[in-house]
Amino acid sequence: MMTALLSLVFFGQTANAAILWWDGNASTTNSASDNSSTTGMNWLSGGNWDDGNTSGALGSWTAGNSAIFGGSPASQTVTAGTLTIGNLTFGGGPQGATSGSTPAYTISGGTLTLSGTTMTVNTPTTVSSTLAGAGASLTKSGSGSLILSGNNT
């Protein structure tokens, strides 16, 4: 397992509020990522999130929520906007824990302010959103490749 430490400046650290699973085009409530769509979607109002109680589009994001992107699409681009995120997990299967070449996720647009410190990358992942935050480091874990192409602060 490869672990990389990236130094970033972080602002406004908050405790993780909840874990949400990206369902994308699915709407199954099961505390798992059931996405199978390769169509680009928006983080808010464009795809569905499963919180263990419901699965549906979100109108807003609670600062500090952690996100799991899993499922079975070959690849997908998710446009994020400006959000404060806890930990992020990318990979195959319902918990994003499966390693391999798919799904290959790209997160684009806006600024992701990180309040967690771990990005678990089990499949190829590109984050072209700007990463920001205060007083901590970002730890990359998992065997997948991670490309950070945003204007990170």
C-alpha atoms as a PDB file:
ATOM      1  CA  MET A   1       0.000   0.000   0.000  1.00  0.00           C
ATOM      2  CA  MET A   2       1.295   3.416  -0.967  1.00  0.00           C
ATOM      3  CA  THR A   3       0.686   6.382   1.307  1.00  0.00           C
ATOM      4  CA  ALA A   4       1.536   9.897   0.204  1.00  0.00           C
ATOM      5  CA  LEU A   5       1.459  12.992   2.374  1.00  0.00           C
ATOM      6  CA  LEU A   6       0.503  16.227   0.634  1.00  0.00           C
ATOM      7  CA  SER A   7       0.851  19.521   2.487  1.00  0.00           C
ATOM      8  CA  LEU A   8      -2.080  21.874   2.075  1.00  0.00           C
ATOM      9  CA  VAL A   9      -3.215  24.893   4.065  1.00  0.00           C
ATOM     10  CA  PHE A  10      -6.660  24.217   5.572  1.00  0.00           C
ATOM     11  CA  PHE A  11      -9.302  26.630   6.891  1.00  0.00           C
ATOM     12  CA  GLY A  12     -12.393  25.983   9.049  1.00  0.00           C
ATOM     13  CA  GLN A  13     -11.892  22.434  10.297  1.00  0.00           C
ATOM     14  CA  THR A  14     -15.101  20.728  11.443  1.00  0.00           C
ATOM     15  CA  ALA A  15     -15.908  17.276  12.796  1.00  0.00           C
ATOM     16  CA  ASN A  16     -17.226  14.758  10.303  1.00  0.00           C
ATOM     17  CA  ALA A  17     -21.001  15.051  10.301  1.00  0.00           C
ATOM     18  CA  ALA A  18     -22.043  11.869   8.448  1.00  0.00           C
ATOM     19  CA  ILE A  19     -21.021   9.380   5.789  1.00  0.00           C
ATOM     20  CA  LEU A  20     -22.905   9.552   2.494  1.00  0.00           C
ATOM     21  CA  TRP A  21     -22.687   7.036  -0.353  1.00  0.00           C
ATOM     22  CA  TRP A  22     -22.846   8.235  -3.986  1.00  0.00           C
ATOM     23  CA  ASP A  23     -25.733   6.422  -5.697  1.00  0.00           C
ATOM     24  CA  GLY A  24     -25.516   8.486  -8.900  1.00  0.00           C
ATOM     25  CA  ASN A  25     -28.370   7.203 -11.061  1.00  0.00           C
ATOM     26  CA  ALA A  26     -29.602   4.642  -8.489  1.00  0.00           C
ATOM     27  CA  SER A  27     -31.888   5.352  -5.531  1.00  0.00           C
ATOM     28  CA  THR A  28     -31.387   2.338  -3.277  1.00  0.00           C
ATOM     29  CA  THR A  29     -31.291   2.986   0.462  1.00  0.00           C
ATOM     30  CA  ASN A  30     -28.728   0.526   1.837  1.00  0.00           C
ATOM     31  CA  SER A  31     -25.697   2.464   3.161  1.00  0.00           C
ATOM     32  CA  ALA A  32     -23.792   1.561  -0.004  1.00  0.00           C
ATOM     33  CA  SER A  33     -22.737   3.208  -3.257  1.00  0.00           C
ATOM     34  CA  ASP A  34     -24.904   1.713  -6.017  1.00  0.00           C
ATOM     35  CA  ASN A  35     -23.869   4.020  -8.865  1.00  0.00           C
ATOM     36  CA  SER A  36     -23.617   2.452 -12.327  1.00  0.00           C
ATOM     37  CA  SER A  37     -23.902   5.578 -14.497  1.00  0.00           C
ATOM     38  CA  THR A  38     -21.123   6.870 -16.745  1.00  0.00           C
ATOM     39  CA  THR A  39     -23.078  10.091 -17.400  1.00  0.00           C
ATOM     40  CA  GLY A  40     -21.583  13.211 -15.824  1.00  0.00           C
ATOM     41  CA  MET A  41     -23.617  14.483 -12.850  1.00  0.00           C
ATOM     42  CA  ASN A  42     -23.621  17.299 -10.315  1.00  0.00           C
ATOM     43  CA  TRP A  43     -22.715  16.575  -6.681  1.00  0.00           C
ATOM     44  CA  LEU A  44     -25.815  18.491  -5.595  1.00  0.00           C
ATOM     45  CA  SER A  45     -29.109  18.139  -7.467  1.00  0.00           C
ATOM     46  CA  GLY A  46     -27.679  15.936 -10.209  1.00  0.00           C
ATOM     47  CA  GLY A  47     -27.237  12.531  -8.614  1.00  0.00           C
ATOM     48  CA  ASN A  48     -28.499  10.645  -5.601  1.00  0.00           C
ATOM     49  CA  TRP A  49     -26.836  10.222  -2.199  1.00  0.00           C
ATOM     50  CA  ASP A  50     -27.636   7.409   0.262  1.00  0.00           C
ATOM     51  CA  ASP A  51     -27.456   8.327   3.951  1.00  0.00           C
ATOM     52  CA  GLY A  52     -28.718   4.981   5.250  1.00  0.00           C
ATOM     53  CA  ASN A  53     -32.273   6.317   5.637  1.00  0.00           C
ATOM     54  CA  THR A  54     -33.065   7.690   2.172  1.00  0.00           C
ATOM     55  CA  SER A  55     -31.480   7.934  -1.255  1.00  0.00           C
ATOM     56  CA  GLY A  56     -32.096  11.057  -3.301  1.00  0.00           C
ATOM     57  CA  ALA A  57     -30.699  14.311  -4.619  1.00  0.00           C
ATOM     58  CA  LEU A  58     -29.374  16.793  -2.057  1.00  0.00           C
ATOM     59  CA  GLY A  59     -30.139  20.486  -2.129  1.00  0.00           C
ATOM     60  CA  SER A  60     -27.232  21.247   0.204  1.00  0.00           C
ATOM     61  CA  TRP A  61     -24.195  19.569   1.734  1.00  0.00           C
ATOM     62  CA  THR A  62     -23.560  19.560   5.495  1.00  0.00           C
ATOM     63  CA  ALA A  63     -20.012  20.769   6.134  1.00  0.00           C
ATOM     64  CA  GLY A  64     -17.807  17.884   7.180  1.00  0.00           C
ATOM     65  CA  ASN A  65     -19.852  15.054   5.643  1.00  0.00           C
ATOM     66  CA  SER A  66     -17.662  12.265   4.277  1.00  0.00           C
ATOM     67  CA  ALA A  67     -18.320  10.813   0.821  1.00  0.00           C
ATOM     68  CA  ILE A  68     -17.886   7.312  -0.608  1.00  0.00           C
ATOM     69  CA  PHE A  69     -17.794   6.986  -4.411  1.00  0.00           C
ATOM     70  CA  GLY A  70     -18.099   3.334  -5.390  1.00  0.00           C
ATOM     71  CA  GLY A  71     -20.410   1.226  -7.493  1.00  0.00           C
ATOM     72  CA  SER A  72     -19.702  -0.174 -10.930  1.00  0.00           C
ATOM     73  CA  PRO A  73     -19.432   2.529 -13.632  1.00  0.00           C
ATOM     74  CA  ALA A  74     -16.452   2.409 -15.999  1.00  0.00           C
ATOM     75  CA  SER A  75     -15.869   6.113 -15.322  1.00  0.00           C
ATOM     76  CA  GLN A  76     -17.802   9.169 -14.248  1.00  0.00           C
ATOM     77  CA  THR A  77     -17.251  12.908 -13.796  1.00  0.00           C
ATOM     78  CA  VAL A  78     -19.004  14.526 -10.838  1.00  0.00           C
ATOM     79  CA  THR A  79     -19.123  18.329 -10.742  1.00  0.00           C
ATOM     80  CA  ALA A  80     -18.703  19.381  -7.128  1.00  0.00           C
ATOM     81  CA  GLY A  81     -19.202  23.116  -6.694  1.00  0.00           C
ATOM     82  CA  THR A  82     -17.996  24.660  -3.414  1.00  0.00           C
ATOM     83  CA  LEU A  83     -18.257  22.259  -0.460  1.00  0.00           C
ATOM     84  CA  THR A  84     -16.601  21.410   2.868  1.00  0.00           C
ATOM     85  CA  ILE A  85     -15.831  17.701   2.879  1.00  0.00           C
ATOM     86  CA  GLY A  86     -14.694  15.196   5.499  1.00  0.00           C
ATOM     87  CA  ASN A  87     -12.876  12.102   4.254  1.00  0.00           C
ATOM     88  CA  LEU A  88     -13.250  10.878   0.655  1.00  0.00           C
ATOM     89  CA  THR A  89     -13.197   7.278  -0.599  1.00  0.00           C
ATOM     90  CA  PHE A  90     -13.009   6.204  -4.259  1.00  0.00           C
ATOM     91  CA  GLY A  91     -13.163   2.620  -5.500  1.00  0.00           C
ATOM     92  CA  GLY A  92     -15.314  -0.188  -6.768  1.00  0.00           C
ATOM     93  CA  GLY A  93     -18.132  -1.942  -4.954  1.00  0.00           C
ATOM     94  CA  PRO A  94     -20.643  -0.712  -2.384  1.00  0.00           C
ATOM     95  CA  GLN A  95     -18.067   0.736   0.064  1.00  0.00           C
ATOM     96  CA  GLY A  96     -15.521   1.920  -2.515  1.00  0.00           C
ATOM     97  CA  ALA A  97     -13.096  -0.667  -1.113  1.00  0.00           C
ATOM     98  CA  THR A  98     -12.441  -2.681  -4.284  1.00  0.00           C
ATOM     99  CA  SER A  99      -9.178  -1.887  -6.072  1.00  0.00           C
ATOM    100  CA  GLY A 100      -8.696  -2.025  -9.832  1.00  0.00           C
ATOM    101  CA  SER A 101      -8.976   0.078 -12.952  1.00  0.00           C
ATOM    102  CA  THR A 102     -12.681   0.962 -12.577  1.00  0.00           C
ATOM    103  CA  PRO A 103     -14.581   2.963 -11.644  1.00  0.00           C
ATOM    104  CA  ALA A 104     -12.371   5.906 -12.606  1.00  0.00           C
ATOM    105  CA  TYR A 105     -13.865   8.983 -10.957  1.00  0.00           C
ATOM    106  CA  THR A 106     -13.140  12.625 -11.783  1.00  0.00           C
ATOM    107  CA  ILE A 107     -14.279  15.332  -9.353  1.00  0.00           C
ATOM    108  CA  SER A 108     -14.337  18.752 -11.011  1.00  0.00           C
ATOM    109  CA  GLY A 109     -15.410  22.334 -10.421  1.00  0.00           C
ATOM    110  CA  GLY A 110     -15.485  24.623  -7.435  1.00  0.00           C
ATOM    111  CA  THR A 111     -13.468  24.343  -4.235  1.00  0.00           C
ATOM    112  CA  LEU A 112     -13.446  21.385  -1.870  1.00  0.00           C
ATOM    113  CA  THR A 113     -12.474  22.528   1.610  1.00  0.00           C
ATOM    114  CA  LEU A 114     -11.246  19.424   3.401  1.00  0.00           C
ATOM    115  CA  SER A 115     -12.125  18.985   7.071  1.00  0.00           C
ATOM    116  CA  GLY A 116     -10.984  15.347   7.117  1.00  0.00           C
ATOM    117  CA  THR A 117      -7.454  14.299   6.375  1.00  0.00           C
ATOM    118  CA  THR A 118      -7.739  11.056   4.406  1.00  0.00           C
ATOM    119  CA  MET A 119      -8.486  10.450   0.755  1.00  0.00           C
ATOM    120  CA  THR A 120      -8.715   6.700   0.135  1.00  0.00           C
ATOM    121  CA  VAL A 121      -8.118   5.995  -3.548  1.00  0.00           C
ATOM    122  CA  ASN A 122      -8.620   2.388  -4.637  1.00  0.00           C
ATOM    123  CA  THR A 123      -9.224   3.104  -8.338  1.00  0.00           C
ATOM    124  CA  PRO A 124      -7.897   5.848 -10.673  1.00  0.00           C
ATOM    125  CA  THR A 125      -9.145   9.220  -9.415  1.00  0.00           C
ATOM    126  CA  THR A 126      -8.656  12.772 -10.641  1.00  0.00           C
ATOM    127  CA  VAL A 127      -9.600  15.788  -8.539  1.00  0.00           C
ATOM    128  CA  SER A 128      -9.545  18.929 -10.667  1.00  0.00           C
ATOM    129  CA  SER A 129     -11.502  20.936  -8.090  1.00  0.00           C
ATOM    130  CA  THR A 130      -9.387  23.270  -5.963  1.00  0.00           C
ATOM    131  CA  LEU A 131      -8.493  21.702  -2.597  1.00  0.00           C
ATOM    132  CA  ALA A 132      -8.333  24.035   0.386  1.00  0.00           C
ATOM    133  CA  GLY A 133      -8.311  23.806   4.188  1.00  0.00           C
ATOM    134  CA  ALA A 134      -6.492  24.893   7.387  1.00  0.00           C
ATOM    135  CA  GLY A 135      -3.738  23.543   9.632  1.00  0.00           C
ATOM    136  CA  ALA A 136      -3.562  19.905   8.516  1.00  0.00           C
ATOM    137  CA  SER A 137      -2.227  17.602   5.845  1.00  0.00           C
ATOM    138  CA  LEU A 138      -3.990  15.406   3.324  1.00  0.00           C
ATOM    139  CA  THR A 139      -3.096  11.724   3.519  1.00  0.00           C
ATOM    140  CA  LYS A 140      -3.639   9.586   0.432  1.00  0.00           C
ATOM    141  CA  SER A 141      -4.166   5.888   1.082  1.00  0.00           C
ATOM    142  CA  GLY A 142      -5.155   3.013  -1.185  1.00  0.00           C
ATOM    143  CA  SER A 143      -3.479   1.493  -4.227  1.00  0.00           C
ATOM    144  CA  GLY A 144      -5.170   3.636  -6.920  1.00  0.00           C
ATOM    145  CA  SER A 145      -3.575   6.571  -8.699  1.00  0.00           C
ATOM    146  CA  LEU A 146      -4.554  10.092  -7.610  1.00  0.00           C
ATOM    147  CA  ILE A 147      -4.118  13.130  -9.859  1.00  0.00           C
ATOM    148  CA  LEU A 148      -4.628  16.549  -8.240  1.00  0.00           C
ATOM    149  CA  SER A 149      -4.936  19.024 -11.102  1.00  0.00           C
ATOM    150  CA  GLY A 150      -6.735  21.912  -9.395  1.00  0.00           C
ATOM    151  CA  ASN A 151      -5.241  25.185  -8.186  1.00  0.00           C
ATOM    152  CA  ASN A 152      -4.723  23.870  -4.638  1.00  0.00           C
ATOM    153  CA  THR A 153      -4.218  26.293  -1.764  1.00  0.00           C
END
